[in-house]
PDB file of N, CA and C in Angstrom:
ATOM      1  N   MET A   1     -57.465  -9.585 -38.388  1.00  0.00           N
ATOM      2  CA  MET A   1     -57.433  -8.164 -38.676  1.00  0.00           C
ATOM      3  C   MET A   1     -58.840  -7.578 -38.710  1.00  0.00           C
ATOM      4  N   LYS A   2     -59.814  -8.396 -39.155  1.00  0.00           N
ATOM      5  CA  LYS A   2     -61.191  -7.932 -39.239  1.00  0.00           C
ATOM      6  C   LYS A   2     -61.738  -7.597 -37.854  1.00  0.00           C
ATOM      7  N   TRP A   3     -61.487  -8.445 -36.866  1.00  0.00           N
ATOM      8  CA  TRP A   3     -62.005  -8.210 -35.527  1.00  0.00           C
ATOM      9  C   TRP A   3     -61.318  -7.032 -34.852  1.00  0.00           C
ATOM     10  N   LYS A   4     -60.054  -6.846 -35.139  1.00  0.00           N
ATOM     11  CA  LYS A   4     -59.352  -5.709 -34.554  1.00  0.00           C
ATOM     12  C   LYS A   4     -59.913  -4.400 -35.105  1.00  0.00           C
ATOM     13  N   SER A   5     -60.244  -4.359 -36.392  1.00  0.00           N
ATOM     14  CA  SER A   5     -60.845  -3.141 -36.953  1.00  0.00           C
ATOM     15  C   SER A   5     -62.226  -2.877 -36.371  1.00  0.00           C
ATOM     16  N   VAL A   6     -62.999  -3.948 -36.159  1.00  0.00           N
ATOM     17  CA  VAL A   6     -64.321  -3.788 -35.538  1.00  0.00           C
ATOM     18  C   VAL A   6     -64.168  -3.220 -34.128  1.00  0.00           C
ATOM     19  N   SER A   7     -63.185  -3.709 -33.389  1.00  0.00           N
ATOM     20  CA  SER A   7     -62.957  -3.230 -32.034  1.00  0.00           C
ATOM     21  C   SER A   7     -62.551  -1.764 -32.014  1.00  0.00           C
ATOM     22  N   ILE A   8     -61.659  -1.377 -32.898  1.00  0.00           N
ATOM     23  CA  ILE A   8     -61.216   0.016 -32.947  1.00  0.00           C
ATOM     24  C   ILE A   8     -62.369   0.923 -33.369  1.00  0.00           C
ATOM     25  N   LEU A   9     -63.168   0.471 -34.328  1.00  0.00           N
ATOM     26  CA  LEU A   9     -64.324   1.251 -34.754  1.00  0.00           C
ATOM     27  C   LEU A   9     -65.319   1.446 -33.613  1.00  0.00           C
ATOM     28  N   CYS A  10     -65.576   0.394 -32.842  1.00  0.00           N
ATOM     29  CA  CYS A  10     -66.498   0.498 -31.702  1.00  0.00           C
ATOM     30  C   CYS A  10     -65.974   1.488 -30.664  1.00  0.00           C
ATOM     31  N   LEU A  11     -64.691   1.424 -30.384  1.00  0.00           N
ATOM     32  CA  LEU A  11     -64.130   2.348 -29.397  1.00  0.00           C
ATOM     33  C   LEU A  11     -64.170   3.793 -29.887  1.00  0.00           C
ATOM     34  N   LEU A  12     -63.993   3.997 -31.196  1.00  0.00           N
ATOM     35  CA  LEU A  12     -64.063   5.351 -31.741  1.00  0.00           C
ATOM     36  C   LEU A  12     -65.498   5.885 -31.782  1.00  0.00           C
ATOM     37  N   LEU A  13     -66.483   5.008 -31.866  1.00  0.00           N
ATOM     38  CA  LEU A  13     -67.883   5.431 -31.920  1.00  0.00           C
ATOM     39  C   LEU A  13     -68.450   5.810 -30.556  1.00  0.00           C
ATOM     40  N   ILE A  14     -67.766   5.468 -29.484  1.00  0.00           N
ATOM     41  CA  ILE A  14     -68.297   5.746 -28.149  1.00  0.00           C
ATOM     42  C   ILE A  14     -68.438   7.248 -27.910  1.00  0.00           C
ATOM     43  N   VAL A  15     -67.426   8.032 -28.240  1.00  0.00           N
ATOM     44  CA  VAL A  15     -67.460   9.477 -27.966  1.00  0.00           C
ATOM     45  C   VAL A  15     -68.576  10.171 -28.753  1.00  0.00           C
ATOM     46  N   PRO A  16     -68.713   9.961 -30.079  1.00  0.00           N
ATOM     47  CA  PRO A  16     -69.825  10.629 -30.770  1.00  0.00           C
ATOM     48  C   PRO A  16     -71.196  10.150 -30.290  1.00  0.00           C
ATOM     49  N   LEU A  17     -71.298   8.860 -29.970  1.00  0.00           N
ATOM     50  CA  LEU A  17     -72.569   8.344 -29.489  1.00  0.00           C
ATOM     51  C   LEU A  17     -72.968   9.009 -28.183  1.00  0.00           C
ATOM     52  N   VAL A  18     -72.043   9.124 -27.261  1.00  0.00           N
ATOM     53  CA  VAL A  18     -72.342   9.766 -25.977  1.00  0.00           C
ATOM     54  C   VAL A  18     -72.667  11.240 -26.189  1.00  0.00           C
ATOM     55  N   ALA A  19     -71.975  11.906 -27.107  1.00  0.00           N
ATOM     56  CA  ALA A  19     -72.257  13.321 -27.384  1.00  0.00           C
ATOM     57  C   ALA A  19     -73.667  13.494 -27.942  1.00  0.00           C
ATOM     58  N   VAL A  20     -74.048  12.663 -28.901  1.00  0.00           N
ATOM     59  CA  VAL A  20     -75.402  12.745 -29.459  1.00  0.00           C
ATOM     60  C   VAL A  20     -76.434  12.419 -28.397  1.00  0.00           C
ATOM     61  N   TRP A  21     -76.157  11.424 -27.585  1.00  0.00           N
ATOM     62  CA  TRP A  21     -77.061  11.012 -26.512  1.00  0.00           C
ATOM     63  C   TRP A  21     -77.298  12.174 -25.550  1.00  0.00           C
ATOM     64  N   LEU A  22     -76.248  12.901 -25.193  1.00  0.00           N
ATOM     65  CA  LEU A  22     -76.391  14.003 -24.250  1.00  0.00           C
ATOM     66  C   LEU A  22     -77.027  15.241 -24.878  1.00  0.00           C
ATOM     67  N   VAL A  23     -76.714  15.521 -26.141  1.00  0.00           N
ATOM     68  CA  VAL A  23     -77.229  16.734 -26.780  1.00  0.00           C
ATOM     69  C   VAL A  23     -78.707  16.587 -27.137  1.00  0.00           C
ATOM     70  N   GLN A  24     -79.082  15.461 -27.717  1.00  0.00           N
ATOM     71  CA  GLN A  24     -80.448  15.318 -28.211  1.00  0.00           C
ATOM     72  C   GLN A  24     -81.424  14.815 -27.156  1.00  0.00           C
ATOM     73  N   GLY A  25     -80.963  14.054 -26.227  1.00  0.00           N
ATOM     74  CA  GLY A  25     -81.891  13.407 -25.331  1.00  0.00           C
ATOM     75  C   GLY A  25     -82.076  14.132 -24.022  1.00  0.00           C
ATOM     76  N   ARG A  26     -83.115  14.885 -23.887  1.00  0.00           N
ATOM     77  CA  ARG A  26     -83.418  15.550 -22.631  1.00  0.00           C
ATOM     78  C   ARG A  26     -84.737  15.063 -22.054  1.00  0.00           C
ATOM     79  N   ASN A  27     -85.404  14.119 -22.694  1.00  0.00           N
ATOM     80  CA  ASN A  27     -86.680  13.595 -22.223  1.00  0.00           C
ATOM     81  C   ASN A  27     -86.657  12.078 -22.301  1.00  0.00           C
ATOM     82  N   ILE A  28     -87.495  11.460 -21.477  1.00  0.00           N
ATOM     83  CA  ILE A  28     -87.558  10.002 -21.485  1.00  0.00           C
ATOM     84  C   ILE A  28     -88.202   9.515 -22.776  1.00  0.00           C
ATOM     85  N   TYR A  29     -89.243  10.192 -23.218  1.00  0.00           N
ATOM     86  CA  TYR A  29     -89.967   9.765 -24.407  1.00  0.00           C
ATOM     87  C   TYR A  29     -89.629  10.675 -25.583  1.00  0.00           C
ATOM     88  N   THR A  30     -89.675  10.137 -26.765  1.00  0.00           N
ATOM     89  CA  THR A  30     -89.446  10.930 -27.961  1.00  0.00           C
ATOM     90  C   THR A  30     -90.671  11.814 -28.188  1.00  0.00           C
ATOM     91  N   LYS A  31     -90.421  13.093 -28.429  1.00  0.00           N
ATOM     92  CA  LYS A  31     -91.516  14.035 -28.642  1.00  0.00           C
ATOM     93  C   LYS A  31     -91.494  14.521 -30.081  1.00  0.00           C
ATOM     94  N   ASP A  32     -92.676  14.808 -30.599  1.00  0.00           N
ATOM     95  CA  ASP A  32     -92.748  15.409 -31.929  1.00  0.00           C
ATOM     96  C   ASP A  32     -93.313  16.820 -31.877  1.00  0.00           C
ATOM     97  N   LYS A  33     -93.745  17.267 -30.698  1.00  0.00           N
ATOM     98  CA  LYS A  33     -94.257  18.621 -30.525  1.00  0.00           C
ATOM     99  C   LYS A  33     -93.719  19.202 -29.222  1.00  0.00           C
ATOM    100  N   VAL A  34     -93.614  20.530 -29.186  1.00  0.00           N
ATOM    101  CA  VAL A  34     -93.139  21.240 -28.006  1.00  0.00           C
ATOM    102  C   VAL A  34     -94.200  22.250 -27.598  1.00  0.00           C
ATOM    103  N   GLN A  35     -94.458  22.326 -26.310  1.00  0.00           N
ATOM    104  CA  GLN A  35     -95.449  23.266 -25.801  1.00  0.00           C
ATOM    105  C   GLN A  35     -94.834  24.661 -25.681  1.00  0.00           C
ATOM    106  N   VAL A  36     -95.499  25.649 -26.313  1.00  0.00           N
ATOM    107  CA  VAL A  36     -95.051  27.041 -26.244  1.00  0.00           C
ATOM    108  C   VAL A  36     -96.142  27.829 -25.530  1.00  0.00           C
ATOM    109  N   VAL A  37     -95.772  28.440 -24.396  1.00  0.00           N
ATOM    110  CA  VAL A  37     -96.723  29.218 -23.609  1.00  0.00           C
ATOM    111  C   VAL A  37     -96.408  30.701 -23.794  1.00  0.00           C
ATOM    112  N   THR A  38     -97.410  31.457 -24.242  1.00  0.00           N
ATOM    113  CA  THR A  38     -97.245  32.903 -24.383  1.00  0.00           C
ATOM    114  C   THR A  38     -98.281  33.591 -23.505  1.00  0.00           C
ATOM    115  N   LYS A  39     -97.868  34.665 -22.858  1.00  0.00           N
ATOM    116  CA  LYS A  39     -98.786  35.418 -22.010  1.00  0.00           C
ATOM    117  C   LYS A  39     -99.377  36.570 -22.819  1.00  0.00           C
ATOM    118  N   VAL A  40    -100.698  36.626 -22.816  1.00  0.00           N
ATOM    119  CA  VAL A  40    -101.415  37.661 -23.555  1.00  0.00           C
ATOM    120  C   VAL A  40    -102.102  38.570 -22.540  1.00  0.00           C
ATOM    121  N   LYS A  41    -101.844  39.868 -22.648  1.00  0.00           N
ATOM    122  CA  LYS A  41    -102.440  40.829 -21.722  1.00  0.00           C
ATOM    123  C   LYS A  41    -103.802  41.249 -22.261  1.00  0.00           C
ATOM    124  N   ASP A  42    -104.811  41.179 -21.390  1.00  0.00           N
ATOM    125  CA  ASP A  42    -106.165  41.577 -21.748  1.00  0.00           C
ATOM    126  C   ASP A  42    -106.269  43.091 -21.625  1.00  0.00           C
ATOM    127  N   GLU A  43    -106.522  43.756 -22.746  1.00  0.00           N
ATOM    128  CA  GLU A  43    -106.577  45.217 -22.766  1.00  0.00           C
ATOM    129  C   GLU A  43    -107.789  45.749 -22.004  1.00  0.00           C
ATOM    130  N   ILE A  44    -108.875  45.021 -22.008  1.00  0.00           N
ATOM    131  CA  ILE A  44    -110.110  45.524 -21.398  1.00  0.00           C
ATOM    132  C   ILE A  44    -110.085  45.363 -19.883  1.00  0.00           C
ATOM    133  N   PHE A  45    -109.751  44.182 -19.399  1.00  0.00           N
ATOM    134  CA  PHE A  45    -109.804  43.918 -17.969  1.00  0.00           C
ATOM    135  C   PHE A  45    -108.450  44.070 -17.284  1.00  0.00           C
ATOM    136  N   GLY A  46    -107.353  44.126 -18.029  1.00  0.00           N
ATOM    137  CA  GLY A  46    -106.031  44.342 -17.455  1.00  0.00           C
ATOM    138  C   GLY A  46    -105.341  43.094 -16.930  1.00  0.00           C
ATOM    139  N   GLY A  47    -105.942  41.958 -17.079  1.00  0.00           N
ATOM    140  CA  GLY A  47    -105.329  40.714 -16.598  1.00  0.00           C
ATOM    141  C   GLY A  47    -104.487  40.053 -17.680  1.00  0.00           C
ATOM    142  N   GLU A  48    -103.787  39.025 -17.289  1.00  0.00           N
ATOM    143  CA  GLU A  48    -102.979  38.262 -18.247  1.00  0.00           C
ATOM    144  C   GLU A  48    -103.532  36.853 -18.366  1.00  0.00           C
ATOM    145  N   THR A  49    -103.577  36.375 -19.578  1.00  0.00           N
ATOM    146  CA  THR A  49    -103.971  34.989 -19.810  1.00  0.00           C
ATOM    147  C   THR A  49    -102.830  34.283 -20.537  1.00  0.00           C
ATOM    148  N   GLU A  50    -102.761  32.990 -20.343  1.00  0.00           N
ATOM    149  CA  GLU A  50    -101.725  32.203 -21.005  1.00  0.00           C
ATOM    150  C   GLU A  50    -102.307  31.507 -22.221  1.00  0.00           C
ATOM    151  N   LYS A  51    -101.624  31.642 -23.334  1.00  0.00           N
ATOM    152  CA  LYS A  51    -102.032  30.988 -24.571  1.00  0.00           C
ATOM    153  C   LYS A  51    -101.055  29.844 -24.821  1.00  0.00           C
ATOM    154  N   ILE A  52    -101.578  28.634 -24.900  1.00  0.00           N
ATOM    155  CA  ILE A  52    -100.747  27.446 -25.074  1.00  0.00           C
ATOM    156  C   ILE A  52    -100.862  26.953 -26.510  1.00  0.00           C
ATOM    157  N   GLU A  53     -99.704  26.819 -27.173  1.00  0.00           N
ATOM    158  CA  GLU A  53     -99.654  26.308 -28.534  1.00  0.00           C
ATOM    159  C   GLU A  53     -98.666  25.143 -28.584  1.00  0.00           C
ATOM    160  N   TRP A  54     -98.941  24.219 -29.482  1.00  0.00           N
ATOM    161  CA  TRP A  54     -98.038  23.093 -29.692  1.00  0.00           C
ATOM    162  C   TRP A  54     -97.382  23.252 -31.052  1.00  0.00           C
ATOM    163  N   VAL A  55     -96.053  23.327 -31.066  1.00  0.00           N
ATOM    164  CA  VAL A  55     -95.274  23.534 -32.284  1.00  0.00           C
ATOM    165  C   VAL A  55     -94.542  22.237 -32.621  1.00  0.00           C
ATOM    166  N   ASP A  56     -94.526  21.882 -33.915  1.00  0.00           N
ATOM    167  CA  ASP A  56     -93.825  20.667 -34.341  1.00  0.00           C
ATOM    168  C   ASP A  56     -92.325  20.830 -34.158  1.00  0.00           C
ATOM    169  N   LYS A  57     -91.725  19.920 -33.400  1.00  0.00           N
ATOM    170  CA  LYS A  57     -90.281  19.896 -33.201  1.00  0.00           C
ATOM    171  C   LYS A  57     -89.908  18.505 -32.695  1.00  0.00           C
ATOM    172  N   PHE A  58     -88.974  17.869 -33.396  1.00  0.00           N
ATOM    173  CA  PHE A  58     -88.558  16.519 -33.005  1.00  0.00           C
ATOM    174  C   PHE A  58     -87.508  16.597 -31.909  1.00  0.00           C
ATOM    175  N   GLN A  59     -87.734  15.851 -30.831  1.00  0.00           N
ATOM    176  CA  GLN A  59     -86.761  15.734 -29.748  1.00  0.00           C
ATOM    177  C   GLN A  59     -86.628  14.263 -29.399  1.00  0.00           C
ATOM    178  N   LEU A  60     -85.420  13.753 -29.555  1.00  0.00           N
ATOM    179  CA  LEU A  60     -85.162  12.355 -29.262  1.00  0.00           C
ATOM    180  C   LEU A  60     -85.075  12.167 -27.754  1.00  0.00           C
ATOM    181  N   GLY A  61     -85.855  11.267 -27.228  1.00  0.00           N
ATOM    182  CA  GLY A  61     -85.887  11.072 -25.788  1.00  0.00           C
ATOM    183  C   GLY A  61     -84.967   9.958 -25.339  1.00  0.00           C
ATOM    184  N   LEU A  62     -83.820  10.319 -24.818  1.00  0.00           N
ATOM    185  CA  LEU A  62     -82.849   9.312 -24.414  1.00  0.00           C
ATOM    186  C   LEU A  62     -82.432   9.436 -22.963  1.00  0.00           C
ATOM    187  N   LEU A  63     -82.545  10.615 -22.394  1.00  0.00           N
ATOM    188  CA  LEU A  63     -82.087  10.834 -21.027  1.00  0.00           C
ATOM    189  C   LEU A  63     -83.254  10.905 -20.072  1.00  0.00           C
ATOM    190  N   PRO A  64     -83.009  10.647 -18.797  1.00  0.00           N
ATOM    191  CA  PRO A  64     -84.070  10.832 -17.820  1.00  0.00           C
ATOM    192  C   PRO A  64     -84.430  12.309 -17.710  1.00  0.00           C
ATOM    193  N   GLY A  65     -85.645  12.600 -17.336  1.00  0.00           N
ATOM    194  CA  GLY A  65     -86.117  13.975 -17.288  1.00  0.00           C
ATOM    195  C   GLY A  65     -85.611  14.743 -16.080  1.00  0.00           C
ATOM    196  N   VAL A  66     -84.348  15.087 -16.062  1.00  0.00           N
ATOM    197  CA  VAL A  66     -83.771  15.898 -14.997  1.00  0.00           C
ATOM    198  C   VAL A  66     -83.110  17.114 -15.620  1.00  0.00           C
ATOM    199  N   ASP A  67     -83.184  18.243 -14.924  1.00  0.00           N
ATOM    200  CA  ASP A  67     -82.611  19.470 -15.455  1.00  0.00           C
ATOM    201  C   ASP A  67     -81.148  19.648 -15.069  1.00  0.00           C
ATOM    202  N   GLU A  68     -80.776  19.213 -13.893  1.00  0.00           N
ATOM    203  CA  GLU A  68     -79.395  19.377 -13.456  1.00  0.00           C
ATOM    204  C   GLU A  68     -78.629  18.062 -13.632  1.00  0.00           C
ATOM    205  N   PRO A  69     -77.314  18.145 -13.736  1.00  0.00           N
ATOM    206  CA  PRO A  69     -76.527  16.912 -13.883  1.00  0.00           C
ATOM    207  C   PRO A  69     -76.729  15.981 -12.682  1.00  0.00           C
ATOM    208  N   SER A  70     -76.888  14.724 -12.965  1.00  0.00           N
ATOM    209  CA  SER A  70     -77.086  13.750 -11.898  1.00  0.00           C
ATOM    210  C   SER A  70     -76.508  12.409 -12.331  1.00  0.00           C
ATOM    211  N   PRO A  71     -76.350  11.513 -11.380  1.00  0.00           N
ATOM    212  CA  PRO A  71     -75.845  10.171 -11.742  1.00  0.00           C
ATOM    213  C   PRO A  71     -76.772   9.413 -12.685  1.00  0.00           C
ATOM    214  N   LYS A  72     -78.059   9.779 -12.737  1.00  0.00           N
ATOM    215  CA  LYS A  72     -78.985   9.104 -13.651  1.00  0.00           C
ATOM    216  C   LYS A  72     -78.590   9.330 -15.108  1.00  0.00           C
ATOM    217  N   ILE A  73     -78.038  10.523 -15.409  1.00  0.00           N
ATOM    218  CA  ILE A  73     -77.619  10.807 -16.773  1.00  0.00           C
ATOM    219  C   ILE A  73     -76.469   9.890 -17.169  1.00  0.00           C
ATOM    220  N   LEU A  74     -75.489   9.753 -16.286  1.00  0.00           N
ATOM    221  CA  LEU A  74     -74.358   8.860 -16.582  1.00  0.00           C
ATOM    222  C   LEU A  74     -74.811   7.417 -16.714  1.00  0.00           C
ATOM    223  N   LEU A  75     -75.774   7.026 -15.902  1.00  0.00           N
ATOM    224  CA  LEU A  75     -76.291   5.661 -15.975  1.00  0.00           C
ATOM    225  C   LEU A  75     -76.988   5.410 -17.311  1.00  0.00           C
ATOM    226  N   SER A  76     -77.761   6.384 -17.788  1.00  0.00           N
ATOM    227  CA  SER A  76     -78.468   6.192 -19.056  1.00  0.00           C
ATOM    228  C   SER A  76     -77.508   6.197 -20.239  1.00  0.00           C
ATOM    229  N   VAL A  77     -76.434   6.971 -20.154  1.00  0.00           N
ATOM    230  CA  VAL A  77     -75.450   7.008 -21.241  1.00  0.00           C
ATOM    231  C   VAL A  77     -74.581   5.756 -21.225  1.00  0.00           C
ATOM    232  N   SER A  78     -74.454   5.129 -20.075  1.00  0.00           N
ATOM    233  CA  SER A  78     -73.578   3.961 -19.972  1.00  0.00           C
ATOM    234  C   SER A  78     -74.118   2.747 -20.723  1.00  0.00           C
ATOM    235  N   VAL A  79     -75.399   2.710 -20.990  1.00  0.00           N
ATOM    236  CA  VAL A  79     -75.973   1.551 -21.673  1.00  0.00           C
ATOM    237  C   VAL A  79     -75.442   1.410 -23.110  1.00  0.00           C
ATOM    238  N   PRO A  80     -75.604   2.423 -23.980  1.00  0.00           N
ATOM    239  CA  PRO A  80     -75.091   2.218 -25.347  1.00  0.00           C
ATOM    240  C   PRO A  80     -73.568   2.184 -25.412  1.00  0.00           C
ATOM    241  N   SER A  81     -72.904   3.001 -24.590  1.00  0.00           N
ATOM    242  CA  SER A  81     -71.442   2.971 -24.625  1.00  0.00           C
ATOM    243  C   SER A  81     -70.921   1.665 -24.041  1.00  0.00           C
ATOM    244  N   GLY A  82     -71.607   1.112 -23.071  1.00  0.00           N
ATOM    245  CA  GLY A  82     -71.219  -0.179 -22.522  1.00  0.00           C
ATOM    246  C   GLY A  82     -71.347  -1.297 -23.540  1.00  0.00           C
ATOM    247  N   LEU A  83     -72.398  -1.229 -24.358  1.00  0.00           N
ATOM    248  CA  LEU A  83     -72.546  -2.234 -25.414  1.00  0.00           C
ATOM    249  C   LEU A  83     -71.406  -2.152 -26.423  1.00  0.00           C
ATOM    250  N   LEU A  84     -70.995  -0.940 -26.762  1.00  0.00           N
ATOM    251  CA  LEU A  84     -69.872  -0.801 -27.694  1.00  0.00           C
ATOM    252  C   LEU A  84     -68.567  -1.301 -27.069  1.00  0.00           C
ATOM    253  N   VAL A  85     -68.386  -1.085 -25.774  1.00  0.00           N
ATOM    254  CA  VAL A  85     -67.187  -1.582 -25.099  1.00  0.00           C
ATOM    255  C   VAL A  85     -67.169  -3.107 -25.110  1.00  0.00           C
ATOM    256  N   VAL A  86     -68.334  -3.719 -24.874  1.00  0.00           N
ATOM    257  CA  VAL A  86     -68.412  -5.185 -24.886  1.00  0.00           C
ATOM    258  C   VAL A  86     -68.087  -5.726 -26.276  1.00  0.00           C
ATOM    259  N   VAL A  87     -68.626  -5.105 -27.321  1.00  0.00           N
ATOM    260  CA  VAL A  87     -68.323  -5.550 -28.690  1.00  0.00           C
ATOM    261  C   VAL A  87     -66.839  -5.363 -28.989  1.00  0.00           C
ATOM    262  N   ALA A  88     -66.262  -4.247 -28.535  1.00  0.00           N
ATOM    263  CA  ALA A  88     -64.838  -3.999 -28.763  1.00  0.00           C
ATOM    264  C   ALA A  88     -63.979  -5.039 -28.050  1.00  0.00           C
ATOM    265  N   LEU A  89     -64.308  -5.347 -26.801  1.00  0.00           N
ATOM    266  CA  LEU A  89     -63.546  -6.366 -26.067  1.00  0.00           C
ATOM    267  C   LEU A  89     -63.685  -7.737 -26.724  1.00  0.00           C
ATOM    268  N   PHE A  90     -64.882  -8.053 -27.196  1.00  0.00           N
ATOM    269  CA  PHE A  90     -65.087  -9.314 -27.895  1.00  0.00           C
ATOM    270  C   PHE A  90     -64.249  -9.361 -29.174  1.00  0.00           C
ATOM    271  N   GLY A  91     -64.180  -8.234 -29.882  1.00  0.00           N
ATOM    272  CA  GLY A  91     -63.373  -8.173 -31.100  1.00  0.00           C
ATOM    273  C   GLY A  91     -61.898  -8.360 -30.817  1.00  0.00           C
ATOM    274  N   PHE A  92     -61.386  -7.729 -29.754  1.00  0.00           N
ATOM    275  CA  PHE A  92     -59.981  -7.916 -29.384  1.00  0.00           C
ATOM    276  C   PHE A  92     -59.712  -9.362 -28.981  1.00  0.00           C
ATOM    277  N   TRP A  93     -60.642  -9.966 -28.268  1.00  0.00           N
ATOM    278  CA  TRP A  93     -60.490 -11.366 -27.847  1.00  0.00           C
ATOM    279  C   TRP A  93     -60.474 -12.288 -29.073  1.00  0.00           C
ATOM    280  N   LYS A  94     -61.392 -12.025 -30.037  1.00  0.00           N
ATOM    281  CA  LYS A  94     -61.429 -12.851 -31.248  1.00  0.00           C
ATOM    282  C   LYS A  94     -60.170 -12.659 -32.094  1.00  0.00           C
ATOM    283  N   SER A  95     -59.644 -11.415 -32.142  1.00  0.00           N
ATOM    284  CA  SER A  95     -58.463 -11.176 -32.961  1.00  0.00           C
ATOM    285  C   SER A  95     -57.232 -11.868 -32.366  1.00  0.00           C
ATOM    286  N   ARG A  96     -57.170 -12.013 -31.050  1.00  0.00           N
ATOM    287  CA  ARG A  96     -56.035 -12.702 -30.423  1.00  0.00           C
ATOM    288  C   ARG A  96     -56.132 -14.208 -30.590  1.00  0.00           C
ATOM    289  N   ARG A  97     -57.344 -14.748 -30.715  1.00  0.00           N
ATOM    290  CA  ARG A  97     -57.530 -16.187 -30.856  1.00  0.00           C
ATOM    291  C   ARG A  97     -57.384 -16.669 -32.280  1.00  0.00           C
ATOM    292  N   MET A  98     -57.501 -15.770 -33.259  1.00  0.00           N
ATOM    293  CA  MET A  98     -57.426 -16.174 -34.666  1.00  0.00           C
ATOM    294  C   MET A  98     -55.990 -16.601 -34.987  1.00  0.00           C
ATOM    295  N   PRO A  99     -55.842 -17.673 -35.759  1.00  0.00           N
ATOM    296  CA  PRO A  99     -54.484 -18.089 -36.148  1.00  0.00           C
ATOM    297  C   PRO A  99     -53.890 -17.096 -37.155  1.00  0.00           C
ATOM    298  N   LYS A 100     -52.583 -16.932 -37.066  1.00  0.00           N
ATOM    299  CA  LYS A 100     -51.911 -15.962 -37.934  1.00  0.00           C
ATOM    300  C   LYS A 100     -51.293 -16.623 -39.114  1.00  0.00           C
TER     301      LYS A 100
END
């Protein structure tokens, strides 16, 4: 019964894990700052200059750095969900082998 519960728990954790992976991970590396670019108009000369500031913001880096959906995103998400599937299958296998 213990292994069957572990297997069911692993299968139930796949959906939230993939959701967190997709929502939080938009960069390969974990970042603690975000670049904010603001354009400042020069009143005297009439030109525009860019002011670059770094603001503290945590971003978990889990996905490849692509803006549009691609197979790389599915490949990166398949790693943690695949591990949970393997643990779940192992749990089902162990629960069937245990004497009743």
